[in-house]
Protein backbone atom coordinates (compact mmCIF):
# COMPACT_ATOMS: atom_id res chain seq x y z
CA MET A 1 -7.24 25.84 1.54
CA TYR A 2 -6.52 22.58 -0.24
CA ILE A 3 -3.99 19.77 0.21
CA LEU A 4 -3.04 17.72 -2.85
CA ALA A 5 -1.98 14.09 -2.42
CA ILE A 6 0.08 12.62 -5.27
CA ASN A 7 1.04 9.00 -5.88
CA CYS A 8 3.33 8.49 -8.90
CA GLY A 9 3.73 4.98 -10.25
CA SER A 10 6.07 3.90 -13.03
CA SER A 11 3.45 4.69 -15.69
CA SER A 12 0.61 6.14 -13.64
CA LEU A 13 -0.29 9.05 -11.39
CA LYS A 14 -3.03 9.08 -8.78
CA TYR A 15 -4.11 12.34 -7.17
CA GLN A 16 -6.64 13.56 -4.62
CA VAL A 17 -7.51 17.08 -3.51
CA TYR A 18 -8.73 17.47 0.07
CA ASP A 19 -10.32 20.40 1.84
CA ALA A 20 -7.85 21.20 4.63
CA LYS A 21 -10.51 22.21 7.16
CA SER A 22 -12.98 19.34 6.78
CA LYS A 23 -10.36 16.80 5.61
CA SER A 24 -12.88 15.64 3.00
CA ALA A 25 -12.07 14.70 -0.59
CA VAL A 26 -13.08 17.32 -3.15
CA VAL A 27 -11.90 15.76 -6.41
CA GLY A 28 -9.37 13.19 -7.52
CA GLY A 29 -8.40 10.89 -10.32
CA ASN A 30 -5.96 8.63 -12.11
CA VAL A 31 -3.61 9.13 -15.03
CA GLU A 32 -2.79 5.89 -16.81
CA LYS A 33 -0.40 4.69 -19.51
CA ILE A 34 2.03 7.60 -19.12
CA GLY A 35 4.62 7.42 -21.89
CA LEU A 36 2.30 5.54 -24.27
CA PRO A 37 0.31 7.06 -27.14
CA ASP A 38 -3.06 6.03 -25.63
CA SER A 39 -2.52 7.67 -22.22
CA PHE A 40 -5.60 9.11 -20.51
CA ILE A 41 -6.86 10.72 -17.33
CA THR A 42 -10.04 9.93 -15.41
CA GLN A 43 -11.19 12.53 -12.89
CA LYS A 44 -13.63 11.44 -10.20
CA TYR A 45 -16.01 13.50 -8.08
CA PRO A 46 -17.54 12.75 -4.65
CA ASP A 47 -21.00 12.25 -6.19
CA GLY A 48 -19.65 9.35 -8.26
CA THR A 49 -19.48 11.13 -11.63
CA LYS A 50 -16.39 10.74 -13.78
CA GLN A 51 -14.70 12.77 -16.49
CA ARG A 52 -12.32 11.11 -18.93
CA LYS A 53 -9.83 12.84 -21.20
CA GLU A 54 -7.57 11.06 -23.68
CA THR A 55 -4.36 12.96 -24.36
CA SER A 56 -0.74 12.11 -25.02
CA MET A 57 1.43 12.40 -21.91
CA LYS A 58 5.05 11.50 -22.55
CA ASN A 59 6.19 11.77 -18.92
CA HIS A 60 5.02 12.58 -15.39
CA ASN A 61 5.74 16.27 -15.89
CA GLU A 62 3.26 16.41 -18.77
CA ALA A 63 0.83 14.27 -16.77
CA LEU A 64 0.91 16.67 -13.83
CA ASN A 65 0.27 19.58 -16.21
CA VAL A 66 -2.84 17.77 -17.44
CA VAL A 67 -3.89 17.14 -13.82
CA MET A 68 -3.63 20.89 -13.12
CA PHE A 69 -5.75 21.63 -16.19
CA MET A 70 -8.40 19.15 -15.05
CA LEU A 71 -8.41 20.59 -11.53
CA ARG A 72 -8.97 24.08 -12.92
CA GLU A 73 -11.89 22.71 -14.91
CA ALA A 74 -13.25 21.44 -11.60
CA SER A 75 -13.03 25.02 -10.24
CA ILE A 76 -10.04 24.32 -7.98
CA ASP A 77 -8.08 27.52 -7.34
CA MET A 78 -4.41 26.57 -7.76
CA ASN A 79 -3.41 29.36 -5.38
CA GLU A 80 -5.40 27.61 -2.64
CA ILE A 81 -3.31 24.43 -2.88
CA LYS A 82 -0.95 25.18 0.01
CA GLY A 83 0.48 21.71 0.54
CA VAL A 84 1.40 18.72 -1.63
CA GLY A 85 1.94 15.32 -0.06
CA HIS A 86 3.88 12.79 -2.13
CA ARG A 87 3.74 9.04 -1.57
CA VAL A 88 7.33 7.76 -1.74
CA VAL A 89 7.72 3.99 -1.68
CA LEU A 90 11.20 3.67 -0.13
CA GLY A 91 12.68 5.88 2.57
CA GLY A 92 15.20 3.31 3.76
CA GLU A 93 16.64 3.65 7.26
CA LYS A 94 17.02 7.40 6.80
CA PHE A 95 13.34 8.33 7.05
CA LYS A 96 11.32 6.98 9.95
CA SER A 97 8.50 9.48 9.47
CA SER A 98 7.10 11.98 6.97
CA VAL A 99 9.31 15.00 6.20
CA GLU A 100 9.24 18.32 4.40
CA ILE A 101 11.05 17.95 1.08
CA ASN A 102 14.34 19.78 0.60
CA ASP A 103 17.41 19.16 -1.56
CA GLU A 104 18.85 16.63 0.90
CA VAL A 105 15.59 14.65 0.96
CA ILE A 106 15.49 14.62 -2.84
CA LYS A 107 19.08 13.37 -3.00
CA THR A 108 18.39 10.56 -0.54
CA ILE A 109 15.26 9.45 -2.41
CA ASP A 110 17.36 9.43 -5.58
CA ASP A 111 20.14 7.41 -3.90
CA LEU A 112 17.57 4.82 -2.81
CA SER A 113 16.33 4.39 -6.38
CA ALA A 114 18.86 1.58 -6.81
CA ILE A 115 16.77 -0.49 -4.37
CA ALA A 116 13.36 0.67 -5.67
CA PRO A 117 13.98 1.35 -9.39
CA LEU A 118 10.34 0.94 -10.34
CA HIS A 119 9.01 3.39 -7.75
CA ASN A 120 11.38 6.04 -6.37
CA PRO A 121 12.36 7.58 -9.74
CA ALA A 122 8.69 8.14 -10.60
CA ALA A 123 8.10 9.78 -7.21
CA LEU A 124 11.08 12.06 -7.80
CA VAL A 125 9.73 13.21 -11.17
CA GLY A 126 6.41 13.99 -9.50
CA ILE A 127 8.14 15.94 -6.73
CA VAL A 128 10.20 18.05 -9.16
CA ALA A 129 7.16 18.73 -11.37
CA ALA A 130 4.98 19.69 -8.39
CA LYS A 131 7.64 22.09 -7.10
CA GLN A 132 7.69 23.80 -10.49
CA LEU A 133 3.92 23.94 -10.99
CA LEU A 134 3.04 24.82 -7.39
CA PRO A 135 6.08 26.79 -6.17
CA ASN A 136 4.24 28.33 -3.19
CA ALA A 137 2.99 25.01 -1.81
CA LYS A 138 4.88 23.11 0.89
CA GLN A 139 6.05 19.73 -0.44
CA VAL A 140 6.02 16.74 1.93
CA ALA A 141 7.25 13.16 1.44
CA VAL A 142 5.25 10.36 3.09
CA PHE A 143 7.15 7.07 2.99
CA ASP A 144 5.66 3.59 2.62
CA THR A 145 8.51 2.19 4.68
CA ALA A 146 8.31 4.62 7.62
CA PHE A 147 5.62 2.70 9.53
CA HIS A 148 7.84 -0.40 9.56
CA GLN A 149 10.91 1.32 11.02
CA THR A 150 9.81 0.13 14.47
CA MET A 151 10.68 -3.47 13.59
CA PRO A 152 13.37 -4.96 15.86
CA ASP A 153 16.68 -5.84 14.26
CA PHE A 154 16.01 -9.57 14.42
CA ALA A 155 12.91 -9.03 12.27
CA TYR A 156 14.42 -6.79 9.62
CA ARG A 157 17.92 -8.31 9.32
CA TYR A 158 18.61 -11.17 6.93
CA ALA A 159 21.08 -13.94 7.73
CA ILE A 160 23.51 -12.75 5.06
CA PRO A 161 27.08 -11.40 5.07
CA GLU A 162 27.30 -8.34 7.34
CA SER A 163 28.87 -6.24 4.58
CA TRP A 164 25.76 -6.62 2.41
CA TYR A 165 23.75 -4.87 5.09
CA LYS A 166 26.30 -2.20 6.01
CA GLU A 167 27.47 -1.36 2.49
CA LEU A 168 24.39 -2.05 0.38
CA GLY A 169 21.50 -1.68 2.81
CA VAL A 170 20.24 -5.22 2.29
CA ARG A 171 17.52 -5.69 4.94
CA ARG A 172 13.77 -5.95 5.25
CA TYR A 173 12.09 -2.55 4.82
CA GLY A 174 8.44 -3.45 4.33
CA TYR A 175 5.94 -1.47 2.28
CA HIS A 176 2.27 -0.41 2.20
CA GLY A 177 3.06 1.24 5.53
CA THR A 178 0.64 4.15 5.06
CA SER A 179 -2.21 1.70 4.53
CA HIS A 180 -1.22 -0.47 7.50
CA LEU A 181 -1.00 2.66 9.66
CA TYR A 182 -4.46 3.85 8.63
CA VAL A 183 -6.30 0.56 9.18
CA SER A 184 -4.48 -0.10 12.47
CA LYS A 185 -5.82 3.19 13.86
CA VAL A 186 -9.35 2.49 12.64
CA ALA A 187 -9.18 -1.07 14.00
CA ALA A 188 -8.20 0.28 17.43
CA ASN A 189 -11.19 2.61 17.21
CA MET A 190 -13.45 -0.36 16.44
CA LEU A 191 -11.95 -2.29 19.36
CA GLY A 192 -12.63 0.68 21.64
CA LYS A 193 -9.13 1.03 23.03
CA PRO A 194 -5.94 2.98 22.28
CA ALA A 195 -3.81 1.83 19.37
CA SER A 196 -0.92 1.44 21.83
CA GLU A 197 -2.81 -1.44 23.46
CA CYS A 198 -3.77 -3.32 20.29
CA ASN A 199 -2.15 -6.37 18.73
CA LEU A 200 -3.22 -6.78 15.10
CA ILE A 201 -2.51 -8.67 11.92
CA THR A 202 -3.23 -6.35 9.00
CA LEU A 203 -3.55 -7.80 5.52
CA HIS A 204 -3.24 -5.34 2.64
CA ILE A 205 -4.27 -7.45 -0.33
CA GLY A 206 -4.51 -5.82 -3.73
CA SER A 207 -2.47 -6.33 -6.87
CA GLY A 208 0.45 -5.97 -4.47
CA ALA A 209 -0.02 -7.60 -1.09
CA SER A 210 1.51 -7.60 2.36
CA ALA A 211 0.85 -8.80 5.89
CA THR A 212 2.00 -6.92 8.98
CA ALA A 213 2.26 -7.96 12.63
CA ILE A 214 1.45 -5.03 14.92
CA ARG A 215 2.20 -5.16 18.64
CA ASN A 216 0.94 -2.33 20.86
CA GLY A 217 0.24 -0.24 17.78
CA LYS A 218 3.70 -0.62 16.21
CA SER A 219 4.86 -2.73 13.30
CA VAL A 220 7.13 -5.53 14.52
CA ASP A 221 7.23 -7.67 11.37
CA THR A 222 5.97 -7.60 7.81
CA SER A 223 5.94 -9.89 4.79
CA LEU A 224 7.46 -7.62 2.14
CA GLY A 225 11.21 -7.46 2.24
CA MET A 226 14.02 -5.31 0.90
CA THR A 227 11.87 -4.86 -2.21
CA PRO A 228 8.10 -5.17 -2.77
CA VAL A 229 8.53 -8.68 -4.21
CA ALA A 230 8.69 -10.93 -1.12
CA GLY A 231 5.97 -12.40 1.07
CA LEU A 232 2.42 -13.09 -0.10
CA THR A 233 1.45 -14.19 -3.61
CA MET A 234 0.56 -11.08 -5.63
CA GLY A 235 -1.02 -10.24 -8.96
CA THR A 236 2.25 -10.19 -10.92
CA ARG A 237 4.91 -10.48 -8.17
CA CYS A 238 6.19 -13.83 -6.98
CA GLY A 239 6.14 -13.42 -3.20
CA ASP A 240 8.46 -15.69 -1.22
CA PHE A 241 10.84 -17.49 -3.59
CA ASP A 242 14.09 -19.37 -3.00
CA ALA A 243 17.06 -17.09 -3.69
CA GLY A 244 18.99 -20.11 -4.91
CA ALA A 245 16.34 -20.71 -7.56
CA VAL A 246 16.89 -17.16 -8.86
CA THR A 247 20.58 -17.81 -9.65
CA TYR A 248 19.75 -21.29 -11.01
CA VAL A 249 17.22 -19.91 -13.51
CA MET A 250 19.54 -17.06 -14.50
CA GLN A 251 22.33 -19.50 -15.23
CA ARG A 252 20.21 -22.08 -17.08
CA LYS A 253 18.25 -19.61 -19.20
CA GLY A 254 20.95 -16.98 -19.64
CA ILE A 255 18.86 -14.27 -18.00
CA ASN A 256 20.52 -11.05 -16.83
CA ALA A 257 19.58 -9.10 -13.71
CA GLU A 258 17.28 -6.67 -15.53
CA GLN A 259 15.37 -9.50 -17.19
CA MET A 260 15.07 -11.40 -13.91
CA GLN A 261 13.74 -8.30 -12.16
CA LYS A 262 11.03 -8.02 -14.82
CA HIS A 263 10.10 -11.70 -14.47
CA LEU A 264 9.81 -11.48 -10.67
CA ASN A 265 7.82 -8.22 -10.75
CA LYS A 266 5.69 -8.52 -13.88
CA ASP A 267 5.50 -12.17 -14.96
CA SER A 268 5.06 -14.01 -11.65
CA GLY A 269 2.44 -14.35 -8.92
CA ILE A 270 -1.11 -15.03 -10.09
CA ILE A 271 -0.31 -14.34 -13.73
CA GLY A 272 2.76 -16.56 -13.54
CA ILE A 273 0.65 -19.55 -12.53
CA THR A 274 -2.43 -18.92 -14.68
CA GLU A 275 -0.45 -17.53 -17.64
CA CYS A 276 -3.40 -15.28 -18.49
CA PHE A 277 -4.93 -13.62 -15.39
CA SER A 278 -3.60 -11.30 -12.70
CA ASP A 279 -7.01 -10.12 -11.48
CA ARG A 280 -8.52 -12.32 -8.76
CA ARG A 281 -12.02 -11.76 -10.21
CA ASP A 282 -10.95 -13.49 -13.42
CA VAL A 283 -9.40 -16.30 -11.39
CA ALA A 284 -12.62 -16.78 -9.40
CA GLU A 285 -14.74 -16.91 -12.57
CA ASN A 286 -12.58 -19.69 -13.97
CA LEU A 287 -11.96 -21.76 -10.82
CA ALA A 288 -14.16 -24.67 -11.87
CA LYS A 289 -12.94 -24.96 -15.46
CA ASP A 290 -9.24 -24.03 -15.36
CA ASP A 291 -6.92 -25.97 -13.06
CA ARG A 292 -4.30 -23.22 -13.31
CA CYS A 293 -6.80 -20.82 -11.76
CA ARG A 294 -7.57 -23.37 -9.06
CA LEU A 295 -3.87 -23.69 -8.32
CA ALA A 296 -3.29 -19.92 -8.21
CA PHE A 297 -6.23 -19.54 -5.83
CA ASP A 298 -5.01 -22.33 -3.55
CA VAL A 299 -1.43 -21.02 -3.54
CA GLU A 300 -2.59 -17.56 -2.45
CA VAL A 301 -4.87 -18.95 0.28
CA HIS A 302 -2.09 -21.21 1.53
CA ASN A 303 0.42 -18.37 1.77
CA VAL A 304 -1.91 -15.93 3.53
CA LYS A 305 -2.86 -18.56 6.12
CA LYS A 306 0.83 -19.31 6.71
CA TYR A 307 1.51 -15.66 7.52
CA ILE A 308 -1.53 -15.40 9.77
CA GLY A 309 -0.30 -18.41 11.73
CA ALA A 310 3.29 -17.17 11.87
CA PHE A 311 2.31 -13.71 13.06
CA MET A 312 -0.06 -15.12 15.66
CA ALA A 313 2.87 -17.11 17.06
CA GLU A 314 5.04 -14.00 16.98
CA LEU A 315 2.50 -11.74 18.68
CA GLY A 316 1.18 -14.24 21.21
CA ARG A 317 -2.10 -12.32 21.62
CA VAL A 318 -4.08 -11.01 18.66
CA ASP A 319 -7.06 -8.68 19.05
CA ALA A 320 -8.09 -8.56 15.42
CA ILE A 321 -7.25 -9.53 11.86
CA VAL A 322 -7.86 -6.73 9.36
CA PHE A 323 -8.48 -7.12 5.62
CA THR A 324 -7.94 -4.09 3.39
CA ALA A 325 -7.03 -2.91 -0.16
CA GLY A 326 -8.88 -3.83 -3.34
CA VAL A 327 -9.00 -7.61 -2.88
CA GLY A 328 -9.15 -7.57 0.90
CA GLU A 329 -12.03 -5.09 0.85
CA ASN A 330 -14.16 -6.80 -1.80
CA ASP A 331 -13.29 -10.46 -2.40
CA THR A 332 -15.63 -12.27 -0.02
CA LEU A 333 -14.64 -15.74 -1.26
CA LEU A 334 -10.93 -15.21 -0.65
CA ARG A 335 -11.58 -13.72 2.81
CA GLU A 336 -13.67 -16.77 3.67
CA LYS A 337 -10.96 -19.16 2.50
CA PHE A 338 -8.21 -17.20 4.29
CA CYS A 339 -10.06 -17.80 7.58
CA GLU A 340 -11.36 -21.31 6.90
CA GLY A 341 -9.86 -23.93 9.20
CA LEU A 342 -8.51 -21.37 11.69
CA GLU A 343 -11.34 -21.82 14.19
CA ASN A 344 -9.06 -23.60 16.67
CA LEU A 345 -6.94 -20.44 16.69
CA GLY A 346 -9.97 -18.43 17.77
CA ILE A 347 -10.70 -17.07 14.28
CA LYS A 348 -14.35 -17.52 13.30
CA LEU A 349 -15.75 -15.82 10.20
CA ASP A 350 -19.45 -15.01 9.94
CA LYS A 351 -20.36 -15.81 6.32
CA ALA A 352 -23.39 -13.53 6.22
CA LYS A 353 -21.48 -10.55 7.64
CA ASN A 354 -18.61 -11.30 5.28
CA ALA A 355 -20.88 -11.38 2.23
CA ALA A 356 -22.30 -7.95 3.10
CA ALA A 357 -18.95 -6.25 3.76
CA MET A 358 -17.83 -4.88 0.39
CA ALA A 359 -16.12 -1.52 0.00
CA ARG A 360 -17.28 -1.09 -3.58
CA LYS A 361 -20.85 -1.16 -2.27
CA GLY A 362 -20.15 1.70 0.11
CA VAL A 363 -19.15 -0.21 3.25
CA GLU A 364 -16.15 1.54 4.82
CA ARG A 365 -15.66 -0.75 7.80
CA ALA A 366 -17.32 -3.86 9.17
CA VAL A 367 -16.95 -6.65 11.71
CA ILE A 368 -17.10 -9.93 9.79
CA SER A 369 -16.35 -12.35 12.63
CA THR A 370 -18.91 -14.26 14.67
CA ASP A 371 -19.96 -12.84 18.03
CA ASP A 372 -18.03 -15.57 19.87
CA SER A 373 -14.83 -15.28 17.80
CA LYS A 374 -11.91 -14.81 20.17
CA VAL A 375 -10.05 -12.87 17.48
CA LYS A 376 -12.12 -10.19 15.77
CA ILE A 377 -12.08 -10.02 11.98
CA PHE A 378 -12.49 -6.62 10.35
CA MET A 379 -12.87 -5.32 6.81
CA ILE A 380 -11.63 -1.72 6.68
CA ALA A 381 -11.46 0.29 3.46
CA THR A 382 -8.03 1.88 3.46
CA ASN A 383 -7.45 5.60 2.90
CA GLU A 384 -3.76 6.21 2.31
CA GLU A 385 -4.47 9.63 0.82
CA LEU A 386 -5.99 10.83 4.09
CA VAL A 387 -2.81 9.85 5.97
CA ILE A 388 -0.74 11.74 3.41
CA VAL A 389 -3.01 14.80 3.72
CA GLU A 390 -3.00 14.83 7.52
CA ASP A 391 0.79 14.36 7.72
CA THR A 392 1.26 17.18 5.20
CA LEU A 393 -1.12 19.50 7.03
CA ALA A 394 0.50 18.76 10.41
CA ILE A 395 3.98 19.49 9.05
CA MET A 396 2.64 22.75 7.62
CA ASN A 397 1.09 23.68 10.97
CA GLY A 398 4.04 22.58 13.09
CA THR A 399 1.93 19.96 14.91
CA TYR A 400 3.41 16.83 13.31
CA ASN A 401 4.69 14.13 15.66
CA PRO A 402 7.03 11.56 14.08
CA ASN A 403 5.75 9.02 16.62
CA HIS A 404 2.50 8.02 14.91
CA LEU A 405 1.05 6.77 18.22
CA LEU A 406 1.13 10.37 19.44
CA MET A 407 -0.24 11.94 16.25
CA ASP A 408 -3.78 13.34 16.46
CA TYR A 409 -5.17 11.61 13.35
CA SER A 410 -8.86 12.38 12.76
CA PHE A 411 -9.59 8.76 11.84
CA ALA A 412 -7.97 7.51 15.07
CA ARG A 413 -10.19 9.45 17.43
CA GLN A 414 -12.54 7.41 19.56
CA LYS A 415 -16.16 7.99 18.65
């Protein structure tokens, strides 16, 4: 029996097939440039081999049909796919855990598209297409925001007119929750104690980025806000930015809301400062010769260190700081700079351990702090797909617990 994990982006689709018994990945891949004439799919196998197919895919429905074709070529029996887990970015206040998808769930996801217009509509298309192509499989929604629904009201509420919150749902939701959940469980395992006893600062740093404060295993604060634009400096998203400046720029440049949304999501962050790069590897290569790259690098380091300090003050006691996602798992220079100067806070990075801890070289988890560091520093390669698969399988089996601290996740078990 197989479980299929699907992650639909605005113009992309990531998928992973897992064996339900062993919970090991069998095959997976990415579909890119959906809706463009040069769209393509790359299928990846556990032995590292890849298969690429260039074909026109006008929408996510066509993309999922191509995925099914590629899976058949990989000898996956479609009748053995009994569950499909969908990553859904925004579940709002309605969904505090993963749920089986029904008409009411679909309607709520659609209603929330006004807040997450770049993400929820794509997820909905994937859900509808999967229901049509795999009608006998149980469909499950796993929400990015669910992990953060344990935040207290003083952490998620903004100091804005009450009606904005009650009528429009304007509040902090937080994102990347599936990743923060996964690494928090693994970090507890590495610390050798239950997740319910761990205080952590988890830093999911990829093209999108977020920091989360975790007290006794639960999210109590996070950097992303009502939308995935706030907080840390990101590849193309601005991070924290004065709301007054938004209206000022709109008025002075005659920009409408749709244009401003594009600028804040696609034209800001690293690429906004450098005007040419959004990838941190390009920034690092040009640090010495391009002052814009130097500035982008320094801005990102400054903002991450601010959040580390703020969350340490909020938590009081911190057991470990965790780096994850593409940049957090592989950029040794940025990790070093994020921790530099924090020694008086009990954070001491071991440069040799840090240099060796790279996910793309096969390292899944590592301690990168010195032996005498009061606060441990971990690099943990995230696995959001495994969370999606295990939630889906548990809902299918009737063993799912909406309280993630009581869920029997395979990756959370003490070894």
